[in-house]
Amino acid sequence: TLDRDLLDGDGKVLYPKGFTFNPLDYVPFTGGMVVLDATDPKQMKWFKNSPYFDNHLARLFITGGSAQDLVNAFKRPVFYLTEPIATRLKIEAVPAVVVPRGKNMVVRIIGDLETWIDD
């Protein structure tokens, strides 16, 4: 739901405040989204060993650490998770994976990393 009028290039209202829409109706979201704390070595190890590491369609968002360091190391875009996105997707713990399922977004918290990584 828009919290303000969305204007076109000429300043005319394209979509009014209060307009409700599903972004998945307009924008494909292939690859999903991975959210992690780049300052946590266990989360970084999990990510590097996950199928998402080589999937550059999966968007990488971080809650801590340096995005630029990861851009340089991984040769892929890295974004900071903002509070509005975290709130809208109800991301309460990381690492998390967000994928589309039909017209909905499904958030999966990875949980106990010890079961995902081999030491």
C-alpha atoms as a PDB file:
ATOM      1  CA  THR A   1       0.000   0.000   0.000  1.00  0.00           C
ATOM      2  CA  LEU A   2       1.532   3.302  -1.088  1.00  0.00           C
ATOM      3  CA  ASP A   3       2.191   5.796   1.707  1.00  0.00           C
ATOM      4  CA  ARG A   4       2.326   8.697  -0.764  1.00  0.00           C
ATOM      5  CA  ASP A   5       1.244   9.581  -4.292  1.00  0.00           C
ATOM      6  CA  LEU A   6       3.492   8.057  -6.938  1.00  0.00           C
ATOM      7  CA  LEU A   7       4.096  10.614  -9.678  1.00  0.00           C
ATOM      8  CA  ASP A   8       5.111  10.183 -13.296  1.00  0.00           C
ATOM      9  CA  GLY A   9       7.841  12.198 -15.033  1.00  0.00           C
ATOM     10  CA  ASP A  10       5.461  15.132 -15.557  1.00  0.00           C
ATOM     11  CA  GLY A  11       4.401  15.335 -11.920  1.00  0.00           C
ATOM     12  CA  LYS A  12       0.985  13.785 -12.519  1.00  0.00           C
ATOM     13  CA  VAL A  13      -0.331  11.193 -10.094  1.00  0.00           C
ATOM     14  CA  LEU A  14       0.363   7.772 -11.540  1.00  0.00           C
ATOM     15  CA  TYR A  15      -0.808   5.850  -8.458  1.00  0.00           C
ATOM     16  CA  PRO A  16      -2.516   7.605  -5.526  1.00  0.00           C
ATOM     17  CA  LYS A  17      -1.601   7.298  -1.873  1.00  0.00           C
ATOM     18  CA  GLY A  18      -3.388   4.261  -0.468  1.00  0.00           C
ATOM     19  CA  PHE A  19      -3.169   2.283  -3.725  1.00  0.00           C
ATOM     20  CA  THR A  20      -2.549  -1.385  -2.901  1.00  0.00           C
ATOM     21  CA  PHE A  21      -0.756  -3.754  -5.240  1.00  0.00           C
ATOM     22  CA  ASN A  22       1.375  -6.870  -5.217  1.00  0.00           C
ATOM     23  CA  PRO A  23       4.855  -6.146  -6.641  1.00  0.00           C
ATOM     24  CA  LEU A  24       5.015  -9.763  -7.833  1.00  0.00           C
ATOM     25  CA  ASP A  25       2.265  -8.872 -10.314  1.00  0.00           C
ATOM     26  CA  TYR A  26       4.648  -6.394 -11.986  1.00  0.00           C
ATOM     27  CA  VAL A  27       8.220  -7.515 -11.366  1.00  0.00           C
ATOM     28  CA  PRO A  28       9.619 -11.026 -11.670  1.00  0.00           C
ATOM     29  CA  PHE A  29      11.496 -12.161  -8.578  1.00  0.00           C
ATOM     30  CA  THR A  30      13.520 -15.097  -9.829  1.00  0.00           C
ATOM     31  CA  GLY A  31      16.401 -16.326  -7.742  1.00  0.00           C
ATOM     32  CA  GLY A  32      15.028 -15.087  -4.450  1.00  0.00           C
ATOM     33  CA  MET A  33      16.908 -13.261  -1.746  1.00  0.00           C
ATOM     34  CA  VAL A  34      19.453 -14.304   0.863  1.00  0.00           C
ATOM     35  CA  VAL A  35      19.827 -12.262   4.046  1.00  0.00           C
ATOM     36  CA  LEU A  36      22.770 -12.743   6.376  1.00  0.00           C
ATOM     37  CA  ASP A  37      25.077 -11.024   8.818  1.00  0.00           C
ATOM     38  CA  ALA A  38      28.418 -10.749   7.041  1.00  0.00           C
ATOM     39  CA  THR A  39      30.220 -10.281  10.376  1.00  0.00           C
ATOM     40  CA  ASP A  40      29.274 -13.813  11.475  1.00  0.00           C
ATOM     41  CA  PRO A  41      31.813 -16.364  10.187  1.00  0.00           C
ATOM     42  CA  LYS A  42      29.322 -19.247  10.499  1.00  0.00           C
ATOM     43  CA  GLN A  43      26.779 -17.431   8.351  1.00  0.00           C
ATOM     44  CA  MET A  44      29.439 -16.608   5.774  1.00  0.00           C
ATOM     45  CA  LYS A  45      30.566 -20.244   5.686  1.00  0.00           C
ATOM     46  CA  TRP A  46      26.946 -21.386   5.315  1.00  0.00           C
ATOM     47  CA  PHE A  47      26.424 -18.977   2.403  1.00  0.00           C
ATOM     48  CA  LYS A  48      29.610 -20.030   0.604  1.00  0.00           C
ATOM     49  CA  ASN A  49      28.518 -23.678   0.846  1.00  0.00           C
ATOM     50  CA  SER A  50      24.891 -23.007  -0.087  1.00  0.00           C
ATOM     51  CA  PRO A  51      23.421 -23.299  -3.591  1.00  0.00           C
ATOM     52  CA  TYR A  52      22.749 -19.547  -3.419  1.00  0.00           C
ATOM     53  CA  PHE A  53      26.448 -18.670  -3.559  1.00  0.00           C
ATOM     54  CA  ASP A  54      26.782 -19.548  -7.240  1.00  0.00           C
ATOM     55  CA  ASN A  55      23.263 -18.411  -8.114  1.00  0.00           C
ATOM     56  CA  HIS A  56      23.747 -14.784  -9.096  1.00  0.00           C
ATOM     57  CA  LEU A  57      19.999 -14.402  -9.591  1.00  0.00           C
ATOM     58  CA  ALA A  58      19.682 -14.665  -5.799  1.00  0.00           C
ATOM     59  CA  ARG A  59      20.002 -11.165  -4.383  1.00  0.00           C
ATOM     60  CA  LEU A  60      22.333 -10.913  -1.387  1.00  0.00           C
ATOM     61  CA  PHE A  61      21.344  -8.617   1.482  1.00  0.00           C
ATOM     62  CA  ILE A  62      23.383  -8.123   4.648  1.00  0.00           C
ATOM     63  CA  THR A  63      22.515  -6.856   8.118  1.00  0.00           C
ATOM     64  CA  GLY A  64      26.108  -6.227   9.179  1.00  0.00           C
ATOM     65  CA  GLY A  65      29.541  -6.040   7.650  1.00  0.00           C
ATOM     66  CA  SER A  66      30.873  -4.326   4.557  1.00  0.00           C
ATOM     67  CA  ALA A  67      28.867  -4.623   1.369  1.00  0.00           C
ATOM     68  CA  GLN A  68      31.818  -3.340  -0.653  1.00  0.00           C
ATOM     69  CA  ASP A  69      34.135  -6.024   0.736  1.00  0.00           C
ATOM     70  CA  LEU A  70      31.631  -8.683  -0.334  1.00  0.00           C
ATOM     71  CA  VAL A  71      31.134  -7.097  -3.756  1.00  0.00           C
ATOM     72  CA  ASN A  72      34.894  -7.314  -4.266  1.00  0.00           C
ATOM     73  CA  ALA A  73      35.186 -10.851  -2.895  1.00  0.00           C
ATOM     74  CA  PHE A  74      32.087 -12.386  -4.492  1.00  0.00           C
ATOM     75  CA  LYS A  75      31.897 -10.348  -7.714  1.00  0.00           C
ATOM     76  CA  ARG A  76      28.172  -9.792  -7.285  1.00  0.00           C
ATOM     77  CA  PRO A  77      25.888  -7.012  -6.055  1.00  0.00           C
ATOM     78  CA  VAL A  78      25.371  -6.841  -2.291  1.00  0.00           C
ATOM     79  CA  PHE A  79      22.730  -4.720  -0.596  1.00  0.00           C
ATOM     80  CA  TYR A  80      22.088  -3.633   2.980  1.00  0.00           C
ATOM     81  CA  LEU A  81      18.833  -4.877   4.462  1.00  0.00           C
ATOM     82  CA  THR A  82      16.821  -1.797   5.392  1.00  0.00           C
ATOM     83  CA  GLU A  83      14.342  -1.696   8.250  1.00  0.00           C
ATOM     84  CA  PRO A  84      11.344  -1.198   5.922  1.00  0.00           C
ATOM     85  CA  ILE A  85      12.255  -4.315   3.913  1.00  0.00           C
ATOM     86  CA  ALA A  86      12.935  -6.376   7.052  1.00  0.00           C
ATOM     87  CA  THR A  87       9.620  -5.268   8.540  1.00  0.00           C
ATOM     88  CA  ARG A  88       7.611  -5.831   5.366  1.00  0.00           C
ATOM     89  CA  LEU A  89       9.049  -9.341   4.912  1.00  0.00           C
ATOM     90  CA  LYS A  90       8.933 -10.042   8.668  1.00  0.00           C
ATOM     91  CA  ILE A  91      12.559 -11.140   8.761  1.00  0.00           C
ATOM     92  CA  GLU A  92      13.260 -11.749  12.439  1.00  0.00           C
ATOM     93  CA  ALA A  93      16.488 -13.766  12.252  1.00  0.00           C
ATOM     94  CA  VAL A  94      19.319 -14.412   9.823  1.00  0.00           C
ATOM     95  CA  PRO A  95      20.427 -16.161   7.792  1.00  0.00           C
ATOM     96  CA  ALA A  96      17.162 -16.211   5.940  1.00  0.00           C
ATOM     97  CA  VAL A  97      16.100 -17.051   2.418  1.00  0.00           C
ATOM     98  CA  VAL A  98      13.164 -15.299   0.753  1.00  0.00           C
ATOM     99  CA  VAL A  99      11.579 -16.886  -2.310  1.00  0.00           C
ATOM    100  CA  PRO A 100       8.385 -16.292  -4.247  1.00  0.00           C
ATOM    101  CA  ARG A 101       5.661 -18.894  -4.007  1.00  0.00           C
ATOM    102  CA  GLY A 102       2.878 -17.984  -6.366  1.00  0.00           C
ATOM    103  CA  LYS A 103       1.879 -14.422  -5.531  1.00  0.00           C
ATOM    104  CA  ASN A 104       3.404 -14.567  -2.040  1.00  0.00           C
ATOM    105  CA  MET A 105       6.871 -14.232  -0.570  1.00  0.00           C
ATOM    106  CA  VAL A 106       8.003 -17.055   1.714  1.00  0.00           C
ATOM    107  CA  VAL A 107      10.692 -16.392   4.334  1.00  0.00           C
ATOM    108  CA  ARG A 108      12.668 -19.367   5.566  1.00  0.00           C
ATOM    109  CA  ILE A 109      14.945 -18.892   8.572  1.00  0.00           C
ATOM    110  CA  ILE A 110      17.907 -21.231   8.215  1.00  0.00           C
ATOM    111  CA  GLY A 111      18.185 -21.961  11.951  1.00  0.00           C
ATOM    112  CA  ASP A 112      20.930 -24.078  13.452  1.00  0.00           C
ATOM    113  CA  LEU A 113      23.919 -23.567  11.183  1.00  0.00           C
ATOM    114  CA  GLU A 114      25.710 -26.541  12.715  1.00  0.00           C
ATOM    115  CA  THR A 115      23.404 -28.815  10.735  1.00  0.00           C
ATOM    116  CA  TRP A 116      24.231 -26.982   7.486  1.00  0.00           C
ATOM    117  CA  ILE A 117      28.013 -26.690   7.590  1.00  0.00           C
ATOM    118  CA  ASP A 118      30.786 -29.201   8.037  1.00  0.00           C
ATOM    119  CA  ASP A 119      33.650 -28.189  10.296  1.00  0.00           C
END
